[in-house]
């Protein structure tokens, strides 16, 4: 089974074929296929490694399974001795993607 390191949403993920990952929102519909920028590719025993400079191109294929919002994250700003406190929340949008092919 092959391993690859992909880049999406400013983050890098180590993925295998069949794996389901949760990434920042991708503007695709549920069921659409997407190609990811591949930074590194290797087979399972680690003998054959391909490293991109900066990338190998779009070699990993995935399928969008879900588009949703994450749990609410509370953010608190506080400055002592000045009576300053602000609280607000944020729901991060995400996409669940299944890796189909490396």
PDB file of N, CA and C in Angstrom:
ATOM      1  N   UNK A   1       0.846  -1.187   0.000  1.00  0.00           N
ATOM      2  CA  UNK A   1       0.000   0.000   0.000  1.00  0.00           C
ATOM      3  C   UNK A   1       0.884   1.241   0.000  1.00  0.00           C
ATOM      4  N   UNK A   2       0.571   2.163  -0.851  1.00  0.00           N
ATOM      5  CA  UNK A   2       1.365   3.381  -0.987  1.00  0.00           C
ATOM      6  C   UNK A   2       0.976   4.409   0.065  1.00  0.00           C
ATOM      7  N   UNK A   3       1.936   5.227   0.431  1.00  0.00           N
ATOM      8  CA  UNK A   3       1.729   6.372   1.314  1.00  0.00           C
ATOM      9  C   UNK A   3       2.052   7.638   0.522  1.00  0.00           C
ATOM     10  N   UNK A   4       1.380   8.712   0.856  1.00  0.00           N
ATOM     11  CA  UNK A   4       1.670   9.990   0.213  1.00  0.00           C
ATOM     12  C   UNK A   4       1.452  11.110   1.220  1.00  0.00           C
ATOM     13  N   UNK A   5       2.144  12.208   1.010  1.00  0.00           N
ATOM     14  CA  UNK A   5       1.929  13.429   1.787  1.00  0.00           C
ATOM     15  C   UNK A   5       1.300  14.432   0.840  1.00  0.00           C
ATOM     16  N   UNK A   6       0.093  14.891   1.187  1.00  0.00           N
ATOM     17  CA  UNK A   6      -0.619  15.845   0.337  1.00  0.00           C
ATOM     18  C   UNK A   6      -0.707  17.190   1.041  1.00  0.00           C
ATOM     19  N   UNK A   7      -0.983  18.218   0.251  1.00  0.00           N
ATOM     20  CA  UNK A   7      -1.107  19.573   0.797  1.00  0.00           C
ATOM     21  C   UNK A   7      -2.454  20.128   0.375  1.00  0.00           C
ATOM     22  N   UNK A   8      -3.243  20.579   1.353  1.00  0.00           N
ATOM     23  CA  UNK A   8      -4.514  21.238   1.077  1.00  0.00           C
ATOM     24  C   UNK A   8      -4.857  22.151   2.249  1.00  0.00           C
ATOM     25  N   UNK A   9      -5.399  23.297   1.962  1.00  0.00           N
ATOM     26  CA  UNK A   9      -5.807  24.234   3.000  1.00  0.00           C
ATOM     27  C   UNK A   9      -4.661  24.746   3.845  1.00  0.00           C
ATOM     28  N   UNK A  10      -3.439  24.785   3.289  1.00  0.00           N
ATOM     29  CA  UNK A  10      -2.290  25.274   4.034  1.00  0.00           C
ATOM     30  C   UNK A  10      -1.724  24.270   5.015  1.00  0.00           C
ATOM     31  N   UNK A  11      -2.219  23.031   4.993  1.00  0.00           N
ATOM     32  CA  UNK A  11      -1.739  21.985   5.898  1.00  0.00           C
ATOM     33  C   UNK A  11      -1.295  20.777   5.081  1.00  0.00           C
ATOM     34  N   UNK A  12      -0.512  19.914   5.700  1.00  0.00           N
ATOM     35  CA  UNK A  12      -0.049  18.695   5.054  1.00  0.00           C
ATOM     36  C   UNK A  12      -0.620  17.490   5.781  1.00  0.00           C
ATOM     37  N   UNK A  13      -1.003  16.448   5.014  1.00  0.00           N
ATOM     38  CA  UNK A  13      -1.602  15.244   5.564  1.00  0.00           C
ATOM     39  C   UNK A  13      -0.908  14.016   4.994  1.00  0.00           C
ATOM     40  N   UNK A  14      -0.626  13.027   5.852  1.00  0.00           N
ATOM     41  CA  UNK A  14      -0.084  11.752   5.404  1.00  0.00           C
ATOM     42  C   UNK A  14      -1.266  10.827   5.169  1.00  0.00           C
ATOM     43  N   UNK A  15      -1.419  10.303   3.937  1.00  0.00           N
ATOM     44  CA  UNK A  15      -2.618   9.546   3.584  1.00  0.00           C
ATOM     45  C   UNK A  15      -2.266   8.200   2.949  1.00  0.00           C
ATOM     46  N   UNK A  16      -3.228   7.265   3.060  1.00  0.00           N
ATOM     47  CA  UNK A  16      -3.162   5.959   2.409  1.00  0.00           C
ATOM     48  C   UNK A  16      -4.434   5.800   1.578  1.00  0.00           C
ATOM     49  N   UNK A  17      -4.434   4.835   0.671  1.00  0.00           N
ATOM     50  CA  UNK A  17      -5.615   4.555  -0.138  1.00  0.00           C
ATOM     51  C   UNK A  17      -6.731   4.041   0.764  1.00  0.00           C
ATOM     52  N   UNK A  18      -7.948   4.584   0.591  1.00  0.00           N
ATOM     53  CA  UNK A  18      -9.101   4.179   1.381  1.00  0.00           C
ATOM     54  C   UNK A  18      -9.303   4.973   2.661  1.00  0.00           C
ATOM     55  N   UNK A  19      -8.328   5.773   3.056  1.00  0.00           N
ATOM     56  CA  UNK A  19      -8.408   6.556   4.295  1.00  0.00           C
ATOM     57  C   UNK A  19      -9.384   7.717   4.135  1.00  0.00           C
ATOM     58  N   UNK A  20     -10.087   8.045   5.222  1.00  0.00           N
ATOM     59  CA  UNK A  20     -10.994   9.198   5.244  1.00  0.00           C
ATOM     60  C   UNK A  20     -10.340  10.276   6.100  1.00  0.00           C
ATOM     61  N   UNK A  21     -10.191  11.471   5.529  1.00  0.00           N
ATOM     62  CA  UNK A  21      -9.562  12.574   6.258  1.00  0.00           C
ATOM     63  C   UNK A  21     -10.522  13.759   6.332  1.00  0.00           C
ATOM     64  N   UNK A  22     -10.315  14.584   7.346  1.00  0.00           N
ATOM     65  CA  UNK A  22     -11.122  15.781   7.563  1.00  0.00           C
ATOM     66  C   UNK A  22     -10.215  16.977   7.285  1.00  0.00           C
ATOM     67  N   UNK A  23     -10.539  17.748   6.235  1.00  0.00           N
ATOM     68  CA  UNK A  23      -9.704  18.872   5.816  1.00  0.00           C
ATOM     69  C   UNK A  23     -10.523  20.152   5.834  1.00  0.00           C
ATOM     70  N   UNK A  24      -9.838  21.285   5.696  1.00  0.00           N
ATOM     71  CA  UNK A  24     -10.560  22.555   5.594  1.00  0.00           C
ATOM     72  C   UNK A  24     -11.460  22.529   4.372  1.00  0.00           C
ATOM     73  N   UNK A  25     -12.523  23.333   4.408  1.00  0.00           N
ATOM     74  CA  UNK A  25     -13.562  23.282   3.365  1.00  0.00           C
ATOM     75  C   UNK A  25     -12.989  23.413   1.962  1.00  0.00           C
ATOM     76  N   UNK A  26     -13.467  22.506   1.090  1.00  0.00           N
ATOM     77  CA  UNK A  26     -13.127  22.514  -0.325  1.00  0.00           C
ATOM     78  C   UNK A  26     -14.403  22.850  -1.080  1.00  0.00           C
ATOM     79  N   UNK A  27     -14.337  23.750  -2.029  1.00  0.00           N
ATOM     80  CA  UNK A  27     -15.529  24.174  -2.767  1.00  0.00           C
ATOM     81  C   UNK A  27     -15.895  23.171  -3.856  1.00  0.00           C
ATOM     82  N   UNK A  28     -16.359  22.011  -3.436  1.00  0.00           N
ATOM     83  CA  UNK A  28     -16.844  20.963  -4.331  1.00  0.00           C
ATOM     84  C   UNK A  28     -18.136  20.416  -3.745  1.00  0.00           C
ATOM     85  N   UNK A  29     -18.958  19.787  -4.593  1.00  0.00           N
ATOM     86  CA  UNK A  29     -20.196  19.172  -4.127  1.00  0.00           C
ATOM     87  C   UNK A  29     -19.904  17.778  -3.599  1.00  0.00           C
ATOM     88  N   UNK A  30     -20.831  17.252  -2.795  1.00  0.00           N
ATOM     89  CA  UNK A  30     -20.697  15.897  -2.269  1.00  0.00           C
ATOM     90  C   UNK A  30     -20.708  14.921  -3.443  1.00  0.00           C
ATOM     91  N   UNK A  31     -19.745  14.013  -3.462  1.00  0.00           N
ATOM     92  CA  UNK A  31     -19.627  13.036  -4.537  1.00  0.00           C
ATOM     93  C   UNK A  31     -18.643  13.444  -5.621  1.00  0.00           C
ATOM     94  N   UNK A  32     -18.215  14.710  -5.641  1.00  0.00           N
ATOM     95  CA  UNK A  32     -17.240  15.155  -6.637  1.00  0.00           C
ATOM     96  C   UNK A  32     -15.863  14.592  -6.325  1.00  0.00           C
ATOM     97  N   UNK A  33     -15.080  14.373  -7.382  1.00  0.00           N
ATOM     98  CA  UNK A  33     -13.708  13.920  -7.200  1.00  0.00           C
ATOM     99  C   UNK A  33     -12.784  15.133  -7.237  1.00  0.00           C
ATOM    100  N   UNK A  34     -11.664  15.019  -6.514  1.00  0.00           N
ATOM    101  CA  UNK A  34     -10.719  16.126  -6.404  1.00  0.00           C
ATOM    102  C   UNK A  34      -9.307  15.563  -6.455  1.00  0.00           C
ATOM    103  N   UNK A  35      -8.395  16.323  -7.033  1.00  0.00           N
ATOM    104  CA  UNK A  35      -6.990  15.939  -7.100  1.00  0.00           C
ATOM    105  C   UNK A  35      -6.214  16.820  -6.123  1.00  0.00           C
ATOM    106  N   UNK A  36      -5.305  16.208  -5.356  1.00  0.00           N
ATOM    107  CA  UNK A  36      -4.514  16.931  -4.370  1.00  0.00           C
ATOM    108  C   UNK A  36      -3.074  17.073  -4.840  1.00  0.00           C
ATOM    109  N   UNK A  37      -2.445  18.188  -4.449  1.00  0.00           N
ATOM    110  CA  UNK A  37      -1.034  18.409  -4.721  1.00  0.00           C
ATOM    111  C   UNK A  37      -0.220  17.475  -3.827  1.00  0.00           C
ATOM    112  N   UNK A  38       0.638  16.672  -4.431  1.00  0.00           N
ATOM    113  CA  UNK A  38       1.407  15.666  -3.707  1.00  0.00           C
ATOM    114  C   UNK A  38       2.831  16.160  -3.476  1.00  0.00           C
ATOM    115  N   UNK A  39       3.279  16.108  -2.217  1.00  0.00           N
ATOM    116  CA  UNK A  39       4.617  16.559  -1.873  1.00  0.00           C
ATOM    117  C   UNK A  39       5.612  15.409  -1.815  1.00  0.00           C
ATOM    118  N   UNK A  40       5.132  14.213  -1.402  1.00  0.00           N
ATOM    119  CA  UNK A  40       6.016  13.069  -1.239  1.00  0.00           C
ATOM    120  C   UNK A  40       5.213  11.807  -1.492  1.00  0.00           C
ATOM    121  N   UNK A  41       5.836  10.799  -2.095  1.00  0.00           N
ATOM    122  CA  UNK A  41       5.167   9.532  -2.357  1.00  0.00           C
ATOM    123  C   UNK A  41       6.142   8.407  -2.074  1.00  0.00           C
ATOM    124  N   UNK A  42       5.660   7.336  -1.405  1.00  0.00           N
ATOM    125  CA  UNK A  42       6.509   6.203  -1.089  1.00  0.00           C
ATOM    126  C   UNK A  42       5.682   4.929  -1.059  1.00  0.00           C
ATOM    127  N   UNK A  43       6.332   3.785  -1.255  1.00  0.00           N
ATOM    128  CA  UNK A  43       5.627   2.518  -1.070  1.00  0.00           C
ATOM    129  C   UNK A  43       5.751   2.115   0.396  1.00  0.00           C
ATOM    130  N   UNK A  44       5.048   1.049   0.812  1.00  0.00           N
ATOM    131  CA  UNK A  44       4.945   0.727   2.238  1.00  0.00           C
ATOM    132  C   UNK A  44       6.272   0.353   2.883  1.00  0.00           C
ATOM    133  N   UNK A  45       7.140  -0.355   2.176  1.00  0.00           N
ATOM    134  CA  UNK A  45       8.418  -0.736   2.789  1.00  0.00           C
ATOM    135  C   UNK A  45       9.419   0.415   2.830  1.00  0.00           C
ATOM    136  N   UNK A  46       9.100   1.528   2.164  1.00  0.00           N
ATOM    137  CA  UNK A  46       9.927   2.728   2.245  1.00  0.00           C
ATOM    138  C   UNK A  46      11.153   2.693   1.360  1.00  0.00           C
ATOM    139  N   UNK A  47      11.262   1.698   0.465  1.00  0.00           N
ATOM    140  CA  UNK A  47      12.441   1.599  -0.391  1.00  0.00           C
ATOM    141  C   UNK A  47      12.396   2.576  -1.557  1.00  0.00           C
ATOM    142  N   UNK A  48      11.212   2.827  -2.089  1.00  0.00           N
ATOM    143  CA  UNK A  48      11.081   3.736  -3.225  1.00  0.00           C
ATOM    144  C   UNK A  48      10.408   5.023  -2.747  1.00  0.00           C
ATOM    145  N   UNK A  49      11.165   6.101  -2.709  1.00  0.00           N
ATOM    146  CA  UNK A  49      10.635   7.384  -2.244  1.00  0.00           C
ATOM    147  C   UNK A  49      10.799   8.413  -3.347  1.00  0.00           C
ATOM    148  N   UNK A  50       9.703   9.128  -3.644  1.00  0.00           N
ATOM    149  CA  UNK A  50       9.748  10.233  -4.602  1.00  0.00           C
ATOM    150  C   UNK A  50       9.453  11.511  -3.838  1.00  0.00           C
ATOM    151  N   UNK A  51      10.357  12.460  -3.928  1.00  0.00           N
ATOM    152  CA  UNK A  51      10.192  13.727  -3.222  1.00  0.00           C
ATOM    153  C   UNK A  51      10.052  14.833  -4.257  1.00  0.00           C
ATOM    154  N   UNK A  52       9.025  15.660  -4.100  1.00  0.00           N
ATOM    155  CA  UNK A  52       8.800  16.760  -5.024  1.00  0.00           C
ATOM    156  C   UNK A  52       9.582  17.993  -4.632  1.00  0.00           C
ATOM    157  N   UNK A  53       9.951  18.776  -5.623  1.00  0.00           N
ATOM    158  CA  UNK A  53      10.662  20.026  -5.365  1.00  0.00           C
ATOM    159  C   UNK A  53       9.952  21.140  -6.105  1.00  0.00           C
ATOM    160  N   UNK A  54       8.955  21.810  -5.603  1.00  0.00           N
ATOM    161  CA  UNK A  54       8.304  21.644  -4.299  1.00  0.00           C
ATOM    162  C   UNK A  54       7.229  20.559  -4.272  1.00  0.00           C
ATOM    163  N   UNK A  55       6.704  20.107  -5.448  1.00  0.00           N
ATOM    164  CA  UNK A  55       5.672  19.070  -5.407  1.00  0.00           C
ATOM    165  C   UNK A  55       5.832  18.141  -6.602  1.00  0.00           C
ATOM    166  N   UNK A  56       5.176  16.982  -6.518  1.00  0.00           N
ATOM    167  CA  UNK A  56       5.180  16.012  -7.609  1.00  0.00           C
ATOM    168  C   UNK A  56       4.047  16.272  -8.594  1.00  0.00           C
ATOM    169  N   UNK A  57       3.169  17.183  -8.271  1.00  0.00           N
ATOM    170  CA  UNK A  57       2.006  17.451  -9.113  1.00  0.00           C
ATOM    171  C   UNK A  57       0.755  16.889  -8.470  1.00  0.00           C
ATOM    172  N   UNK A  58      -0.297  16.734  -9.249  1.00  0.00           N
ATOM    173  CA  UNK A  58      -1.573  16.271  -8.701  1.00  0.00           C
ATOM    174  C   UNK A  58      -1.710  14.778  -8.953  1.00  0.00           C
ATOM    175  N   UNK A  59      -1.266  13.955  -7.988  1.00  0.00           N
ATOM    176  CA  UNK A  59      -1.249  12.514  -8.157  1.00  0.00           C
ATOM    177  C   UNK A  59      -2.252  11.776  -7.283  1.00  0.00           C
ATOM    178  N   UNK A  60      -2.769  12.403  -6.243  1.00  0.00           N
ATOM    179  CA  UNK A  60      -3.682  11.736  -5.311  1.00  0.00           C
ATOM    180  C   UNK A  60      -5.115  12.148  -5.628  1.00  0.00           C
ATOM    181  N   UNK A  61      -5.983  11.142  -5.815  1.00  0.00           N
ATOM    182  CA  UNK A  61      -7.384  11.396  -6.151  1.00  0.00           C
ATOM    183  C   UNK A  61      -8.243  11.107  -4.927  1.00  0.00           C
ATOM    184  N   UNK A  62      -9.173  12.001  -4.635  1.00  0.00           N
ATOM    185  CA  UNK A  62     -10.076  11.835  -3.508  1.00  0.00           C
ATOM    186  C   UNK A  62     -11.508  12.114  -3.907  1.00  0.00           C
ATOM    187  N   UNK A  63     -12.446  11.737  -3.031  1.00  0.00           N
ATOM    188  CA  UNK A  63     -13.869  11.951  -3.276  1.00  0.00           C
ATOM    189  C   UNK A  63     -14.462  12.638  -2.054  1.00  0.00           C
ATOM    190  N   UNK A  64     -15.229  13.704  -2.263  1.00  0.00           N
ATOM    191  CA  UNK A  64     -15.836  14.453  -1.165  1.00  0.00           C
ATOM    192  C   UNK A  64     -17.041  13.670  -0.641  1.00  0.00           C
ATOM    193  N   UNK A  65     -17.010  13.340   0.655  1.00  0.00           N
ATOM    194  CA  UNK A  65     -18.091  12.588   1.285  1.00  0.00           C
ATOM    195  C   UNK A  65     -19.069  13.474   2.031  1.00  0.00           C
ATOM    196  N   UNK A  66     -18.575  14.578   2.601  1.00  0.00           N
ATOM    197  CA  UNK A  66     -19.411  15.398   3.481  1.00  0.00           C
ATOM    198  C   UNK A  66     -18.887  16.825   3.521  1.00  0.00           C
ATOM    199  N   UNK A  67     -19.803  17.796   3.624  1.00  0.00           N
ATOM    200  CA  UNK A  67     -19.481  19.203   3.851  1.00  0.00           C
ATOM    201  C   UNK A  67     -20.252  19.620   5.100  1.00  0.00           C
ATOM    202  N   UNK A  68     -19.566  20.129   6.114  1.00  0.00           N
ATOM    203  CA  UNK A  68     -20.255  20.441   7.366  1.00  0.00           C
ATOM    204  C   UNK A  68     -19.487  21.507   8.137  1.00  0.00           C
ATOM    205  N   UNK A  69     -20.012  21.832   9.335  1.00  0.00           N
ATOM    206  CA  UNK A  69     -19.350  22.759  10.247  1.00  0.00           C
ATOM    207  C   UNK A  69     -18.895  21.990  11.471  1.00  0.00           C
ATOM    208  N   UNK A  70     -17.745  22.350  11.996  1.00  0.00           N
ATOM    209  CA  UNK A  70     -17.189  21.712  13.185  1.00  0.00           C
ATOM    210  C   UNK A  70     -17.890  22.215  14.439  1.00  0.00           C
ATOM    211  N   UNK A  71     -17.524  21.656  15.583  1.00  0.00           N
ATOM    212  CA  UNK A  71     -18.055  22.133  16.858  1.00  0.00           C
ATOM    213  C   UNK A  71     -17.602  23.571  17.099  1.00  0.00           C
ATOM    214  N   UNK A  72     -18.368  24.288  17.905  1.00  0.00           N
ATOM    215  CA  UNK A  72     -18.056  25.687  18.182  1.00  0.00           C
ATOM    216  C   UNK A  72     -16.809  25.796  19.054  1.00  0.00           C
ATOM    217  N   UNK A  73     -15.945  26.708  18.662  1.00  0.00           N
ATOM    218  CA  UNK A  73     -14.738  26.999  19.419  1.00  0.00           C
ATOM    219  C   UNK A  73     -14.932  28.367  20.051  1.00  0.00           C
ATOM    220  N   UNK A  74     -14.777  28.457  21.372  1.00  0.00           N
ATOM    221  CA  UNK A  74     -14.911  29.739  22.049  1.00  0.00           C
ATOM    222  C   UNK A  74     -13.557  30.409  22.143  1.00  0.00           C
ATOM    223  N   UNK A  75     -13.537  31.696  21.839  1.00  0.00           N
ATOM    224  CA  UNK A  75     -12.318  32.487  21.885  1.00  0.00           C
ATOM    225  C   UNK A  75     -12.530  33.593  22.906  1.00  0.00           C
ATOM    226  N   UNK A  76     -11.575  33.738  23.825  1.00  0.00           N
ATOM    227  CA  UNK A  76     -11.681  34.756  24.872  1.00  0.00           C
ATOM    228  C   UNK A  76     -10.470  35.667  24.779  1.00  0.00           C
ATOM    229  N   UNK A  77     -10.730  36.973  24.696  1.00  0.00           N
ATOM    230  CA  UNK A  77      -9.664  37.972  24.764  1.00  0.00           C
ATOM    231  C   UNK A  77      -9.774  38.626  26.140  1.00  0.00           C
ATOM    232  N   UNK A  78      -8.653  38.737  26.831  1.00  0.00           N
ATOM    233  CA  UNK A  78      -8.678  39.264  28.184  1.00  0.00           C
ATOM    234  C   UNK A  78      -7.395  40.045  28.444  1.00  0.00           C
ATOM    235  N   UNK A  79      -7.556  41.237  29.022  1.00  0.00           N
ATOM    236  CA  UNK A  79      -6.405  42.025  29.438  1.00  0.00           C
ATOM    237  C   UNK A  79      -6.591  42.359  30.917  1.00  0.00           C
ATOM    238  N   UNK A  80      -5.684  41.952  31.745  1.00  0.00           N
ATOM    239  CA  UNK A  80      -5.837  42.196  33.179  1.00  0.00           C
ATOM    240  C   UNK A  80      -5.712  43.681  33.539  1.00  0.00           C
ATOM    241  N   UNK A  81      -6.398  44.059  34.583  1.00  0.00           N
ATOM    242  CA  UNK A  81      -6.336  45.401  35.175  1.00  0.00           C
ATOM    243  C   UNK A  81      -6.914  46.498  34.285  1.00  0.00           C
ATOM    244  N   UNK A  82      -7.571  46.157  33.185  1.00  0.00           N
ATOM    245  CA  UNK A  82      -8.124  47.191  32.316  1.00  0.00           C
ATOM    246  C   UNK A  82      -9.614  46.995  32.070  1.00  0.00           C
ATOM    247  N   UNK A  83     -10.246  46.021  32.724  1.00  0.00           N
ATOM    248  CA  UNK A  83     -11.661  45.710  32.559  1.00  0.00           C
ATOM    249  C   UNK A  83     -12.008  45.381  31.099  1.00  0.00           C
ATOM    250  N   UNK A  84     -11.102  44.649  30.449  1.00  0.00           N
ATOM    251  CA  UNK A  84     -11.322  44.291  29.050  1.00  0.00           C
ATOM    252  C   UNK A  84     -11.468  42.780  28.936  1.00  0.00           C
ATOM    253  N   UNK A  85     -12.637  42.340  28.472  1.00  0.00           N
ATOM    254  CA  UNK A  85     -12.865  40.923  28.227  1.00  0.00           C
ATOM    255  C   UNK A  85     -13.864  40.786  27.081  1.00  0.00           C
ATOM    256  N   UNK A  86     -13.504  40.029  26.060  1.00  0.00           N
ATOM    257  CA  UNK A  86     -14.378  39.774  24.921  1.00  0.00           C
ATOM    258  C   UNK A  86     -14.435  38.269  24.682  1.00  0.00           C
ATOM    259  N   UNK A  87     -15.629  37.765  24.438  1.00  0.00           N
ATOM    260  CA  UNK A  87     -15.814  36.346  24.147  1.00  0.00           C
ATOM    261  C   UNK A  87     -16.607  36.222  22.857  1.00  0.00           C
ATOM    262  N   UNK A  88     -16.128  35.391  21.967  1.00  0.00           N
ATOM    263  CA  UNK A  88     -16.878  35.116  20.755  1.00  0.00           C
ATOM    264  C   UNK A  88     -16.620  33.678  20.327  1.00  0.00           C
ATOM    265  N   UNK A  89     -17.463  33.186  19.440  1.00  0.00           N
ATOM    266  CA  UNK A  89     -17.344  31.801  19.001  1.00  0.00           C
ATOM    267  C   UNK A  89     -17.120  31.704  17.510  1.00  0.00           C
ATOM    268  N   UNK A  90     -16.717  30.503  17.091  1.00  0.00           N
ATOM    269  CA  UNK A  90     -16.386  30.292  15.685  1.00  0.00           C
ATOM    270  C   UNK A  90     -16.647  28.833  15.319  1.00  0.00           C
ATOM    271  N   UNK A  91     -17.346  28.597  14.203  1.00  0.00           N
ATOM    272  CA  UNK A  91     -17.554  27.256  13.651  1.00  0.00           C
ATOM    273  C   UNK A  91     -16.680  27.133  12.407  1.00  0.00           C
ATOM    274  N   UNK A  92     -15.700  26.241  12.425  1.00  0.00           N
ATOM    275  CA  UNK A  92     -14.850  26.042  11.257  1.00  0.00           C
ATOM    276  C   UNK A  92     -15.550  25.120  10.261  1.00  0.00           C
ATOM    277  N   UNK A  93     -15.572  25.498   8.990  1.00  0.00           N
ATOM    278  CA  UNK A  93     -16.152  24.658   7.950  1.00  0.00           C
ATOM    279  C   UNK A  93     -15.136  23.585   7.556  1.00  0.00           C
ATOM    280  N   UNK A  94     -15.624  22.360   7.275  1.00  0.00           N
ATOM    281  CA  UNK A  94     -14.721  21.285   6.899  1.00  0.00           C
ATOM    282  C   UNK A  94     -15.344  20.402   5.832  1.00  0.00           C
ATOM    283  N   UNK A  95     -14.500  19.602   5.194  1.00  0.00           N
ATOM    284  CA  UNK A  95     -14.922  18.610   4.210  1.00  0.00           C
ATOM    285  C   UNK A  95     -14.322  17.273   4.611  1.00  0.00           C
ATOM    286  N   UNK A  96     -15.119  16.206   4.516  1.00  0.00           N
ATOM    287  CA  UNK A  96     -14.602  14.862   4.718  1.00  0.00           C
ATOM    288  C   UNK A  96     -14.298  14.287   3.344  1.00  0.00           C
ATOM    289  N   UNK A  97     -13.075  13.792   3.173  1.00  0.00           N
ATOM    290  CA  UNK A  97     -12.627  13.302   1.872  1.00  0.00           C
ATOM    291  C   UNK A  97     -12.098  11.884   2.031  1.00  0.00           C
ATOM    292  N   UNK A  98     -12.508  11.000   1.113  1.00  0.00           N
ATOM    293  CA  UNK A  98     -11.972   9.645   1.082  1.00  0.00           C
ATOM    294  C   UNK A  98     -10.923   9.583  -0.022  1.00  0.00           C
ATOM    295  N   UNK A  99      -9.774   9.020   0.284  1.00  0.00           N
ATOM    296  CA  UNK A  99      -8.691   8.896  -0.694  1.00  0.00           C
ATOM    297  C   UNK A  99      -8.979   7.667  -1.551  1.00  0.00           C
ATOM    298  N   UNK A 100      -9.104   7.873  -2.867  1.00  0.00           N
ATOM    299  CA  UNK A 100      -9.441   6.791  -3.786  1.00  0.00           C
ATOM    300  C   UNK A 100      -8.222   6.154  -4.430  1.00  0.00           C
ATOM    301  N   UNK A 101      -7.249   6.985  -4.762  1.00  0.00           N
ATOM    302  CA  UNK A 101      -6.141   6.494  -5.574  1.00  0.00           C
ATOM    303  C   UNK A 101      -4.887   7.289  -5.308  1.00  0.00           C
ATOM    304  N   UNK A 102      -3.761   6.593  -5.211  1.00  0.00           N
ATOM    305  CA  UNK A 102      -2.474   7.273  -5.052  1.00  0.00           C
ATOM    306  C   UNK A 102      -1.606   6.916  -6.261  1.00  0.00           C
TER     307      UNK A 102
END
